[in-house]
Structure formats: structure tokens, C-alpha cells
Amino acid sequence: MPDPNTDEALYKIITDSMMHGPCGLAKPSAKCMNDGKCSKGVPKRYQLATSFDKKGYIQYNRPPNGFSVKKSGIDLDNAYVVPYNRTLCLRFNAHINVEYCGWNMMIKYLFKYISKGSDRIRFKVSQSSSSTAPTQNMLTPSTNEIDNFVNGDTYVLTKRPGGYSISLYTTDSQQYN
């Protein structure tokens, strides 16, 4: 938490928009509380220096500097401050959560989105074996998706930025768009 005597503008921004809470023992009924603990891990431990924990997550410098702000009748100090960037907070005067993405978190985050692929569905168009009209109570036959993909003609509907595209994969392994 910045010093209100030397950096009044930043102190006002941080205390207005970058404080989490009150929660924890101070307010057990807060929205972020799960099983008696804050889901965001607040209040954070005091730290004299920034470091990484055993799981590779960053623990920010949070010295017990004696500065606090009263929110809902409860004094909040450095343990309740959301990580922030001084320059961005002063520039935009808004809540901007900035955190270092350590090696452990970065790999997990990048591969989640790289390997996800685009949203798609797979369907097959076929003629009903029954000559009667379908009813609401009719059970759908079980399907083997692997066999359908390997042995049959399959349409794939893919969501794209401009809309949707349909591709037809045939038994001779050719693709038609």
C-alpha cells in the first residue's frame, strides 16, 4: 500500500479500487468466502521481498508498513491489496489486476488455449430406416463416434470469426468445404 503522505494520488486510487475485502474473519458472510476461507486467499501473508513459493506462484512484496484504509468499518492494510502496476493505475485510475505469470502458470495457460482448438460439432446426415414419422417418445440409437469418424461420411460444423463453416469428410479421406 502506498504512503498517503508521499503519494496521495496513488494511495487514493489503490484504496478506492484495488482493495479486496473485507472478508475472512472480519466478514465471514462476504461473497468470496468458501468453507470459512476467502477463495482468493485474502488476507495475504506479509512479505519483505517478492519471491516464488514451492508451487511456482509468485508471492509479492507486502511489508507491514502501517498504512491502512477503513472499508465497511474494518481497517484493511497491505494484506488486502490486489497486485497492481503503479503506472497503469495512475494513468487509468481504475481497477487493473496485474500479476507476474511465472513459468508454472504460463505453460498451463498457454497450452490450455493452444491445444483447445476451435468450437465444433460433428454430425452425420442419414435417411431414417423407418417409414413412419418420428415421435417424441422415440429413442435415439446409440452411436459409436469412433466408427462413425473412421468408416462414414461426417460433416463438421466449425465456428469461425465470420460465422460457421461446414466440412464434409468422406470415406475416401477427402475433405470438401
N, C-alpha and C. Protein backbone atom coordinates (compact mmCIF):
# COMPACT_ATOMS: atom_id res chain seq x y z
N MET A 1 0.85 -1.17 0.00
CA MET A 1 0.00 0.00 0.00
C MET A 1 0.90 1.24 0.00
N PRO A 2 0.61 2.17 -0.89
CA PRO A 2 1.46 3.36 -0.96
C PRO A 2 1.32 4.26 0.27
N ASP A 3 2.32 5.08 0.47
CA ASP A 3 2.33 6.04 1.58
C ASP A 3 1.40 7.21 1.24
N PRO A 4 0.37 7.45 2.04
CA PRO A 4 -0.56 8.54 1.73
C PRO A 4 0.07 9.92 1.86
N ASN A 5 1.20 10.03 2.57
CA ASN A 5 1.86 11.32 2.75
C ASN A 5 2.74 11.70 1.56
N THR A 6 3.33 10.70 0.90
CA THR A 6 4.24 11.00 -0.21
C THR A 6 3.63 10.73 -1.58
N ASP A 7 2.60 9.89 -1.65
CA ASP A 7 1.98 9.56 -2.94
C ASP A 7 0.46 9.51 -2.77
N GLU A 8 -0.11 10.69 -2.52
CA GLU A 8 -1.53 10.80 -2.21
C GLU A 8 -2.43 10.31 -3.34
N ALA A 9 -2.09 10.63 -4.59
CA ALA A 9 -2.92 10.23 -5.74
C ALA A 9 -2.97 8.70 -5.87
N LEU A 10 -1.83 8.03 -5.79
CA LEU A 10 -1.79 6.58 -5.89
C LEU A 10 -2.50 5.93 -4.70
N TYR A 11 -2.30 6.47 -3.51
CA TYR A 11 -2.96 5.94 -2.32
C TYR A 11 -4.48 5.98 -2.50
N LYS A 12 -5.02 7.07 -3.03
CA LYS A 12 -6.46 7.19 -3.25
C LYS A 12 -6.96 6.16 -4.26
N ILE A 13 -6.22 5.99 -5.36
CA ILE A 13 -6.62 5.01 -6.39
C ILE A 13 -6.59 3.60 -5.81
N ILE A 14 -5.52 3.25 -5.11
CA ILE A 14 -5.38 1.90 -4.55
C ILE A 14 -6.46 1.63 -3.51
N THR A 15 -6.69 2.57 -2.62
CA THR A 15 -7.69 2.35 -1.58
C THR A 15 -9.12 2.38 -2.12
N ASP A 16 -9.35 3.06 -3.23
CA ASP A 16 -10.69 3.10 -3.85
C ASP A 16 -10.98 1.89 -4.73
N SER A 17 -9.95 1.41 -5.47
CA SER A 17 -10.25 0.38 -6.47
C SER A 17 -9.40 -0.88 -6.43
N MET A 18 -8.40 -0.95 -5.60
CA MET A 18 -7.51 -2.11 -5.61
C MET A 18 -7.47 -2.85 -4.27
N MET A 19 -8.52 -2.73 -3.49
CA MET A 19 -8.59 -3.42 -2.21
C MET A 19 -9.59 -4.58 -2.31
N HIS A 20 -9.20 -5.73 -1.78
CA HIS A 20 -10.11 -6.88 -1.74
C HIS A 20 -10.64 -6.99 -0.32
N GLY A 21 -11.94 -7.02 -0.20
CA GLY A 21 -12.49 -7.21 1.13
C GLY A 21 -13.31 -6.03 1.59
N PRO A 22 -13.68 -6.08 2.81
CA PRO A 22 -13.24 -7.00 3.85
C PRO A 22 -13.86 -8.39 3.70
N CYS A 23 -13.09 -9.37 4.13
CA CYS A 23 -13.55 -10.76 4.13
C CYS A 23 -12.76 -11.51 5.18
N GLY A 24 -12.88 -12.82 5.21
CA GLY A 24 -12.16 -13.61 6.21
C GLY A 24 -12.84 -13.50 7.56
N LEU A 25 -12.06 -13.48 8.62
CA LEU A 25 -12.61 -13.37 9.96
C LEU A 25 -13.34 -12.05 10.16
N ALA A 26 -12.90 -11.02 9.43
CA ALA A 26 -13.52 -9.70 9.55
C ALA A 26 -14.94 -9.67 9.00
N LYS A 27 -15.22 -10.48 7.97
CA LYS A 27 -16.57 -10.53 7.37
C LYS A 27 -16.79 -11.92 6.77
N PRO A 28 -17.20 -12.88 7.59
CA PRO A 28 -17.38 -14.26 7.11
C PRO A 28 -18.51 -14.42 6.09
N SER A 29 -19.40 -13.43 5.97
CA SER A 29 -20.53 -13.53 5.03
C SER A 29 -20.20 -12.94 3.65
N ALA A 30 -18.94 -12.57 3.39
CA ALA A 30 -18.55 -11.99 2.10
C ALA A 30 -18.76 -13.00 0.97
N LYS A 31 -19.02 -12.51 -0.25
CA LYS A 31 -19.29 -13.37 -1.41
C LYS A 31 -18.13 -14.30 -1.74
N CYS A 32 -16.91 -13.88 -1.46
CA CYS A 32 -15.74 -14.67 -1.82
C CYS A 32 -15.44 -15.80 -0.83
N MET A 33 -16.20 -15.90 0.24
CA MET A 33 -15.93 -16.89 1.28
C MET A 33 -16.47 -18.27 0.91
N ASN A 34 -15.61 -19.29 1.03
CA ASN A 34 -15.97 -20.69 0.83
C ASN A 34 -15.40 -21.50 1.99
N ASP A 35 -16.26 -22.19 2.70
CA ASP A 35 -15.83 -23.02 3.84
C ASP A 35 -15.00 -22.24 4.85
N GLY A 36 -15.40 -21.02 5.13
CA GLY A 36 -14.73 -20.21 6.14
C GLY A 36 -13.44 -19.56 5.69
N LYS A 37 -13.07 -19.69 4.40
CA LYS A 37 -11.84 -19.08 3.88
C LYS A 37 -12.16 -18.28 2.63
N CYS A 38 -11.39 -17.25 2.39
CA CYS A 38 -11.54 -16.45 1.17
C CYS A 38 -11.03 -17.26 -0.03
N SER A 39 -11.83 -17.32 -1.08
CA SER A 39 -11.43 -18.08 -2.27
C SER A 39 -10.24 -17.45 -2.99
N LYS A 40 -9.94 -16.20 -2.70
CA LYS A 40 -8.80 -15.50 -3.31
C LYS A 40 -7.56 -15.54 -2.43
N GLY A 41 -7.66 -16.17 -1.26
CA GLY A 41 -6.51 -16.29 -0.36
C GLY A 41 -6.21 -15.02 0.40
N VAL A 42 -7.19 -14.16 0.58
CA VAL A 42 -7.00 -12.89 1.28
C VAL A 42 -7.49 -13.06 2.71
N PRO A 43 -6.84 -12.48 3.69
CA PRO A 43 -5.67 -11.62 3.60
C PRO A 43 -4.39 -12.40 3.29
N LYS A 44 -3.54 -11.79 2.48
CA LYS A 44 -2.27 -12.40 2.10
C LYS A 44 -1.27 -12.25 3.24
N ARG A 45 -0.25 -13.11 3.23
CA ARG A 45 0.82 -13.01 4.24
C ARG A 45 1.69 -11.79 3.95
N TYR A 46 2.25 -11.22 5.00
CA TYR A 46 3.20 -10.12 4.82
C TYR A 46 4.50 -10.70 4.27
N GLN A 47 5.12 -9.99 3.35
CA GLN A 47 6.38 -10.41 2.72
C GLN A 47 7.30 -9.21 2.69
N LEU A 48 8.54 -9.41 3.04
CA LEU A 48 9.51 -8.31 2.96
C LEU A 48 10.16 -8.24 1.59
N ALA A 49 10.01 -9.29 0.79
CA ALA A 49 10.56 -9.30 -0.57
C ALA A 49 9.68 -10.17 -1.45
N THR A 50 9.69 -9.92 -2.75
CA THR A 50 8.95 -10.73 -3.71
C THR A 50 9.70 -12.04 -3.92
N SER A 51 8.96 -13.16 -3.92
CA SER A 51 9.60 -14.47 -4.09
C SER A 51 8.60 -15.44 -4.72
N PHE A 52 9.08 -16.64 -5.05
CA PHE A 52 8.23 -17.70 -5.58
C PHE A 52 8.03 -18.75 -4.49
N ASP A 53 6.81 -19.32 -4.42
CA ASP A 53 6.58 -20.39 -3.46
C ASP A 53 6.98 -21.73 -4.08
N LYS A 54 6.77 -22.83 -3.36
CA LYS A 54 7.18 -24.15 -3.82
C LYS A 54 6.43 -24.62 -5.06
N LYS A 55 5.23 -24.09 -5.29
CA LYS A 55 4.44 -24.46 -6.47
C LYS A 55 4.74 -23.57 -7.67
N GLY A 56 5.63 -22.59 -7.51
CA GLY A 56 6.00 -21.72 -8.63
C GLY A 56 5.18 -20.45 -8.73
N TYR A 57 4.29 -20.19 -7.76
CA TYR A 57 3.48 -18.99 -7.77
C TYR A 57 4.22 -17.86 -7.07
N ILE A 58 4.00 -16.66 -7.55
CA ILE A 58 4.71 -15.51 -7.00
C ILE A 58 4.05 -15.01 -5.73
N GLN A 59 4.86 -14.65 -4.78
CA GLN A 59 4.41 -14.04 -3.53
C GLN A 59 4.97 -12.62 -3.52
N TYR A 60 4.09 -11.64 -3.61
CA TYR A 60 4.51 -10.25 -3.77
C TYR A 60 4.99 -9.63 -2.47
N ASN A 61 5.83 -8.63 -2.62
CA ASN A 61 6.31 -7.82 -1.51
C ASN A 61 5.11 -7.14 -0.84
N ARG A 62 4.89 -7.47 0.44
CA ARG A 62 3.78 -6.88 1.21
C ARG A 62 4.29 -6.57 2.61
N PRO A 63 5.07 -5.54 2.76
CA PRO A 63 5.58 -5.23 4.11
C PRO A 63 4.47 -4.67 4.99
N PRO A 64 4.51 -4.98 6.28
CA PRO A 64 3.54 -4.39 7.19
C PRO A 64 3.93 -2.94 7.46
N ASN A 65 3.59 -2.04 6.53
CA ASN A 65 4.08 -0.66 6.59
C ASN A 65 3.24 0.26 7.47
N GLY A 66 2.16 -0.23 8.05
CA GLY A 66 1.38 0.59 8.97
C GLY A 66 0.29 1.41 8.32
N PHE A 67 0.22 1.44 6.99
CA PHE A 67 -0.82 2.21 6.31
C PHE A 67 -2.06 1.33 6.14
N SER A 68 -3.22 1.95 6.26
CA SER A 68 -4.46 1.20 6.11
C SER A 68 -5.57 2.14 5.65
N VAL A 69 -6.70 1.54 5.31
CA VAL A 69 -7.89 2.29 4.93
C VAL A 69 -9.08 1.58 5.58
N LYS A 70 -10.08 2.35 5.97
CA LYS A 70 -11.27 1.78 6.60
C LYS A 70 -12.34 1.55 5.55
N LYS A 71 -12.75 0.26 5.39
CA LYS A 71 -13.81 -0.14 4.46
C LYS A 71 -14.87 -0.88 5.26
N SER A 72 -16.09 -0.44 5.18
CA SER A 72 -17.21 -1.06 5.91
C SER A 72 -16.89 -1.17 7.40
N GLY A 73 -16.21 -0.17 7.94
CA GLY A 73 -15.89 -0.15 9.36
C GLY A 73 -14.73 -1.04 9.76
N ILE A 74 -14.00 -1.60 8.80
CA ILE A 74 -12.90 -2.52 9.09
C ILE A 74 -11.63 -1.97 8.46
N ASP A 75 -10.54 -1.95 9.23
CA ASP A 75 -9.25 -1.47 8.71
C ASP A 75 -8.64 -2.52 7.80
N LEU A 76 -8.34 -2.14 6.55
CA LEU A 76 -7.66 -3.01 5.60
C LEU A 76 -6.26 -2.46 5.36
N ASP A 77 -5.27 -3.35 5.36
CA ASP A 77 -3.89 -2.92 5.15
C ASP A 77 -3.30 -3.63 3.94
N ASN A 78 -1.99 -3.73 3.88
CA ASN A 78 -1.28 -4.32 2.74
C ASN A 78 -1.71 -5.76 2.43
N ALA A 79 -2.22 -6.47 3.41
CA ALA A 79 -2.63 -7.86 3.21
C ALA A 79 -3.87 -7.97 2.32
N TYR A 80 -4.57 -6.86 2.11
CA TYR A 80 -5.81 -6.85 1.31
C TYR A 80 -5.64 -6.16 -0.04
N VAL A 81 -4.45 -5.74 -0.38
CA VAL A 81 -4.22 -5.03 -1.64
C VAL A 81 -4.07 -6.03 -2.79
N VAL A 82 -4.81 -5.79 -3.88
CA VAL A 82 -4.71 -6.61 -5.09
C VAL A 82 -3.43 -6.17 -5.82
N PRO A 83 -2.64 -7.11 -6.39
CA PRO A 83 -1.44 -6.71 -7.11
C PRO A 83 -1.74 -5.64 -8.17
N TYR A 84 -0.91 -4.63 -8.23
CA TYR A 84 -1.17 -3.53 -9.15
C TYR A 84 0.12 -3.02 -9.78
N ASN A 85 -0.04 -2.28 -10.86
CA ASN A 85 1.07 -1.61 -11.52
C ASN A 85 0.88 -0.12 -11.31
N ARG A 86 1.86 0.52 -10.70
CA ARG A 86 1.76 1.95 -10.34
C ARG A 86 1.43 2.81 -11.56
N THR A 87 2.16 2.61 -12.64
CA THR A 87 1.99 3.44 -13.85
C THR A 87 0.59 3.29 -14.43
N LEU A 88 0.10 2.05 -14.55
CA LEU A 88 -1.23 1.82 -15.12
C LEU A 88 -2.33 2.39 -14.22
N CYS A 89 -2.19 2.22 -12.92
CA CYS A 89 -3.21 2.74 -12.01
C CYS A 89 -3.28 4.26 -12.08
N LEU A 90 -2.13 4.92 -12.09
CA LEU A 90 -2.13 6.38 -12.19
C LEU A 90 -2.66 6.86 -13.54
N ARG A 91 -2.38 6.12 -14.60
CA ARG A 91 -2.81 6.51 -15.95
C ARG A 91 -4.31 6.35 -16.14
N PHE A 92 -4.87 5.22 -15.68
CA PHE A 92 -6.27 4.91 -15.96
C PHE A 92 -7.21 5.11 -14.77
N ASN A 93 -6.68 5.27 -13.58
CA ASN A 93 -7.48 5.48 -12.38
C ASN A 93 -8.60 4.43 -12.31
N ALA A 94 -8.20 3.16 -12.40
CA ALA A 94 -9.18 2.08 -12.44
C ALA A 94 -8.59 0.81 -11.83
N HIS A 95 -9.45 -0.17 -11.60
CA HIS A 95 -9.01 -1.48 -11.09
C HIS A 95 -8.36 -2.24 -12.25
N ILE A 96 -7.08 -2.43 -12.17
CA ILE A 96 -6.34 -3.18 -13.19
C ILE A 96 -5.47 -4.19 -12.44
N ASN A 97 -5.86 -5.46 -12.52
CA ASN A 97 -5.13 -6.51 -11.82
C ASN A 97 -3.94 -6.93 -12.68
N VAL A 98 -2.75 -6.71 -12.19
CA VAL A 98 -1.53 -7.06 -12.92
C VAL A 98 -0.74 -8.04 -12.08
N GLU A 99 -0.44 -9.21 -12.65
CA GLU A 99 0.34 -10.19 -11.93
C GLU A 99 1.41 -10.77 -12.84
N TYR A 100 2.50 -11.16 -12.26
CA TYR A 100 3.56 -11.82 -12.99
C TYR A 100 3.12 -13.23 -13.31
N CYS A 101 3.31 -13.65 -14.54
CA CYS A 101 2.95 -15.01 -14.95
C CYS A 101 4.21 -15.86 -14.90
N GLY A 102 4.38 -16.59 -13.80
CA GLY A 102 5.57 -17.41 -13.64
C GLY A 102 5.55 -18.60 -14.57
N TRP A 103 6.63 -19.32 -14.64
CA TRP A 103 6.80 -20.44 -15.57
C TRP A 103 5.69 -21.47 -15.42
N ASN A 104 5.37 -21.86 -14.21
CA ASN A 104 4.36 -22.88 -13.96
C ASN A 104 2.99 -22.44 -14.49
N MET A 105 2.58 -21.23 -14.20
CA MET A 105 1.27 -20.74 -14.64
C MET A 105 1.26 -20.48 -16.14
N MET A 106 2.36 -19.99 -16.68
CA MET A 106 2.40 -19.62 -18.09
C MET A 106 2.21 -20.84 -19.00
N ILE A 107 2.89 -21.92 -18.73
CA ILE A 107 2.77 -23.12 -19.54
C ILE A 107 1.33 -23.63 -19.52
N LYS A 108 0.75 -23.71 -18.33
CA LYS A 108 -0.63 -24.20 -18.19
C LYS A 108 -1.59 -23.30 -18.98
N TYR A 109 -1.43 -21.99 -18.86
CA TYR A 109 -2.31 -21.03 -19.54
C TYR A 109 -2.16 -21.13 -21.05
N LEU A 110 -0.92 -21.14 -21.55
CA LEU A 110 -0.69 -21.17 -22.99
C LEU A 110 -1.21 -22.45 -23.62
N PHE A 111 -0.92 -23.60 -23.02
CA PHE A 111 -1.34 -24.87 -23.62
C PHE A 111 -2.85 -25.07 -23.55
N LYS A 112 -3.49 -24.46 -22.57
CA LYS A 112 -4.94 -24.56 -22.49
C LYS A 112 -5.56 -23.96 -23.75
N TYR A 113 -5.06 -22.84 -24.21
CA TYR A 113 -5.65 -22.17 -25.36
C TYR A 113 -5.06 -22.62 -26.69
N ILE A 114 -3.81 -23.05 -26.70
CA ILE A 114 -3.21 -23.52 -27.95
C ILE A 114 -3.82 -24.85 -28.37
N SER A 115 -4.02 -25.76 -27.41
CA SER A 115 -4.49 -27.09 -27.76
C SER A 115 -6.02 -27.21 -27.76
N LYS A 116 -6.70 -26.16 -27.37
CA LYS A 116 -8.16 -26.23 -27.29
C LYS A 116 -8.79 -26.41 -28.66
N GLY A 117 -8.31 -25.72 -29.67
CA GLY A 117 -8.92 -25.81 -30.99
C GLY A 117 -10.19 -24.98 -31.07
N SER A 118 -10.78 -24.95 -32.23
CA SER A 118 -12.00 -24.16 -32.39
C SER A 118 -13.21 -24.96 -31.94
N ASP A 119 -14.29 -24.24 -31.64
CA ASP A 119 -15.53 -24.91 -31.26
C ASP A 119 -16.10 -25.61 -32.48
N ARG A 120 -16.51 -26.86 -32.33
CA ARG A 120 -17.05 -27.61 -33.46
C ARG A 120 -17.99 -28.69 -32.98
N ILE A 121 -18.84 -29.12 -33.91
CA ILE A 121 -19.70 -30.28 -33.66
C ILE A 121 -19.54 -31.22 -34.85
N ARG A 122 -19.79 -32.50 -34.62
CA ARG A 122 -19.70 -33.50 -35.68
C ARG A 122 -21.08 -34.13 -35.81
N PHE A 123 -21.58 -34.23 -37.05
CA PHE A 123 -22.87 -34.85 -37.26
C PHE A 123 -22.86 -35.59 -38.57
N LYS A 124 -23.82 -36.51 -38.73
CA LYS A 124 -23.92 -37.31 -39.94
C LYS A 124 -25.36 -37.20 -40.44
N VAL A 125 -25.51 -37.03 -41.74
CA VAL A 125 -26.82 -36.96 -42.34
C VAL A 125 -27.14 -38.34 -42.90
N SER A 126 -28.25 -38.91 -42.46
CA SER A 126 -28.64 -40.23 -42.96
C SER A 126 -30.16 -40.30 -43.05
N GLN A 127 -30.62 -41.26 -43.83
CA GLN A 127 -32.05 -41.45 -44.01
C GLN A 127 -32.55 -42.40 -42.93
N SER A 128 -33.71 -42.10 -42.41
CA SER A 128 -34.30 -42.92 -41.37
C SER A 128 -34.68 -44.28 -41.96
N SER A 129 -34.44 -45.35 -41.17
CA SER A 129 -34.79 -46.69 -41.63
C SER A 129 -36.28 -46.96 -41.48
N SER A 130 -36.95 -46.14 -40.72
CA SER A 130 -38.39 -46.31 -40.50
C SER A 130 -39.16 -45.41 -41.44
N SER A 131 -40.26 -45.90 -41.99
CA SER A 131 -41.06 -45.09 -42.90
C SER A 131 -42.09 -44.26 -42.14
N THR A 132 -42.22 -44.52 -40.83
CA THR A 132 -43.18 -43.77 -40.04
C THR A 132 -42.56 -42.45 -39.60
N ALA A 133 -43.42 -41.49 -39.33
CA ALA A 133 -42.95 -40.19 -38.87
C ALA A 133 -42.36 -40.32 -37.46
N PRO A 134 -41.31 -39.59 -37.16
CA PRO A 134 -40.70 -39.68 -35.83
C PRO A 134 -41.66 -39.14 -34.76
N THR A 135 -41.62 -39.74 -33.61
CA THR A 135 -42.43 -39.27 -32.49
C THR A 135 -41.53 -38.76 -31.39
N GLN A 136 -42.12 -38.08 -30.44
CA GLN A 136 -41.34 -37.52 -29.34
C GLN A 136 -40.80 -38.61 -28.43
N ASN A 137 -41.48 -39.74 -28.33
CA ASN A 137 -41.07 -40.81 -27.43
C ASN A 137 -40.04 -41.75 -28.05
N MET A 138 -39.66 -41.51 -29.28
CA MET A 138 -38.74 -42.41 -29.98
C MET A 138 -37.34 -42.30 -29.38
N LEU A 139 -36.72 -43.42 -29.07
CA LEU A 139 -35.38 -43.42 -28.51
C LEU A 139 -34.36 -43.25 -29.62
N THR A 140 -33.30 -42.51 -29.34
CA THR A 140 -32.23 -42.36 -30.32
C THR A 140 -31.30 -43.54 -30.20
N PRO A 141 -30.88 -44.11 -31.34
CA PRO A 141 -29.98 -45.27 -31.26
C PRO A 141 -28.62 -44.85 -30.73
N SER A 142 -27.93 -45.79 -30.06
CA SER A 142 -26.59 -45.49 -29.57
C SER A 142 -25.63 -45.40 -30.76
N THR A 143 -24.66 -44.54 -30.63
CA THR A 143 -23.71 -44.34 -31.72
C THR A 143 -22.29 -44.60 -31.23
N ASN A 144 -21.49 -45.10 -32.13
CA ASN A 144 -20.07 -45.29 -31.86
C ASN A 144 -19.36 -44.19 -32.64
N GLU A 145 -18.95 -43.14 -31.93
CA GLU A 145 -18.37 -41.98 -32.59
C GLU A 145 -17.07 -42.30 -33.33
N ILE A 146 -16.30 -43.22 -32.81
CA ILE A 146 -15.04 -43.58 -33.46
C ILE A 146 -15.32 -44.28 -34.79
N ASP A 147 -16.23 -45.25 -34.78
CA ASP A 147 -16.59 -45.92 -36.03
C ASP A 147 -17.19 -44.95 -37.03
N ASN A 148 -18.03 -44.05 -36.57
CA ASN A 148 -18.62 -43.05 -37.47
C ASN A 148 -17.56 -42.18 -38.11
N PHE A 149 -16.55 -41.83 -37.34
CA PHE A 149 -15.48 -40.99 -37.88
C PHE A 149 -14.62 -41.76 -38.88
N VAL A 150 -14.26 -42.99 -38.52
CA VAL A 150 -13.36 -43.78 -39.36
C VAL A 150 -14.07 -44.32 -40.60
N ASN A 151 -15.30 -44.80 -40.47
CA ASN A 151 -15.97 -45.51 -41.55
C ASN A 151 -16.97 -44.69 -42.36
N GLY A 152 -17.41 -43.59 -41.87
CA GLY A 152 -18.53 -42.94 -42.56
C GLY A 152 -18.24 -41.51 -42.99
N ASP A 153 -19.15 -41.01 -43.80
CA ASP A 153 -19.10 -39.61 -44.20
C ASP A 153 -19.52 -38.77 -42.99
N THR A 154 -18.75 -37.77 -42.66
CA THR A 154 -19.01 -36.97 -41.48
C THR A 154 -18.94 -35.50 -41.84
N TYR A 155 -19.91 -34.75 -41.35
CA TYR A 155 -19.89 -33.30 -41.51
C TYR A 155 -19.35 -32.69 -40.22
N VAL A 156 -18.52 -31.65 -40.35
CA VAL A 156 -18.00 -30.96 -39.17
C VAL A 156 -18.38 -29.50 -39.30
N LEU A 157 -19.11 -28.99 -38.32
CA LEU A 157 -19.51 -27.59 -38.28
C LEU A 157 -18.54 -26.87 -37.37
N THR A 158 -17.81 -25.91 -37.91
CA THR A 158 -16.78 -25.21 -37.16
C THR A 158 -17.15 -23.74 -37.01
N LYS A 159 -17.06 -23.23 -35.78
CA LYS A 159 -17.34 -21.81 -35.53
C LYS A 159 -16.11 -21.00 -35.90
N ARG A 160 -16.29 -20.00 -36.71
CA ARG A 160 -15.21 -19.11 -37.15
C ARG A 160 -15.59 -17.68 -36.82
N PRO A 161 -14.62 -16.73 -36.84
CA PRO A 161 -14.94 -15.34 -36.53
C PRO A 161 -16.05 -14.75 -37.41
N GLY A 162 -16.13 -15.13 -38.68
CA GLY A 162 -17.14 -14.59 -39.58
C GLY A 162 -18.42 -15.39 -39.61
N GLY A 163 -18.51 -16.47 -38.89
CA GLY A 163 -19.70 -17.32 -38.91
C GLY A 163 -19.32 -18.77 -38.72
N TYR A 164 -19.92 -19.65 -39.49
CA TYR A 164 -19.67 -21.08 -39.39
C TYR A 164 -19.24 -21.64 -40.74
N SER A 165 -18.46 -22.70 -40.73
CA SER A 165 -18.13 -23.40 -41.97
C SER A 165 -18.45 -24.87 -41.78
N ILE A 166 -18.87 -25.51 -42.87
CA ILE A 166 -19.19 -26.93 -42.83
C ILE A 166 -18.21 -27.66 -43.74
N SER A 167 -17.57 -28.69 -43.21
CA SER A 167 -16.67 -29.53 -43.99
C SER A 167 -17.25 -30.93 -44.03
N LEU A 168 -17.12 -31.60 -45.16
CA LEU A 168 -17.58 -32.97 -45.33
C LEU A 168 -16.35 -33.86 -45.46
N TYR A 169 -16.23 -34.83 -44.57
CA TYR A 169 -15.15 -35.81 -44.62
C TYR A 169 -15.77 -37.11 -45.13
N THR A 170 -15.27 -37.61 -46.24
CA THR A 170 -15.85 -38.81 -46.85
C THR A 170 -15.04 -40.05 -46.49
N THR A 171 -15.59 -41.23 -46.87
CA THR A 171 -14.92 -42.49 -46.55
C THR A 171 -13.59 -42.62 -47.27
N ASP A 172 -13.39 -41.88 -48.36
CA ASP A 172 -12.11 -41.94 -49.05
C ASP A 172 -11.12 -40.90 -48.54
N SER A 173 -11.36 -40.41 -47.31
CA SER A 173 -10.48 -39.49 -46.60
C SER A 173 -10.29 -38.16 -47.31
N GLN A 174 -11.20 -37.73 -48.10
CA GLN A 174 -11.12 -36.43 -48.73
C GLN A 174 -11.99 -35.45 -47.95
N GLN A 175 -11.56 -34.19 -47.99
CA GLN A 175 -12.31 -33.15 -47.31
C GLN A 175 -12.91 -32.20 -48.33
N TYR A 176 -14.18 -31.89 -48.19
CA TYR A 176 -14.86 -30.94 -49.06
C TYR A 176 -15.40 -29.83 -48.19
N ASN A 177 -15.15 -28.57 -48.58
CA ASN A 177 -15.65 -27.43 -47.82
C ASN A 177 -16.83 -26.78 -48.54
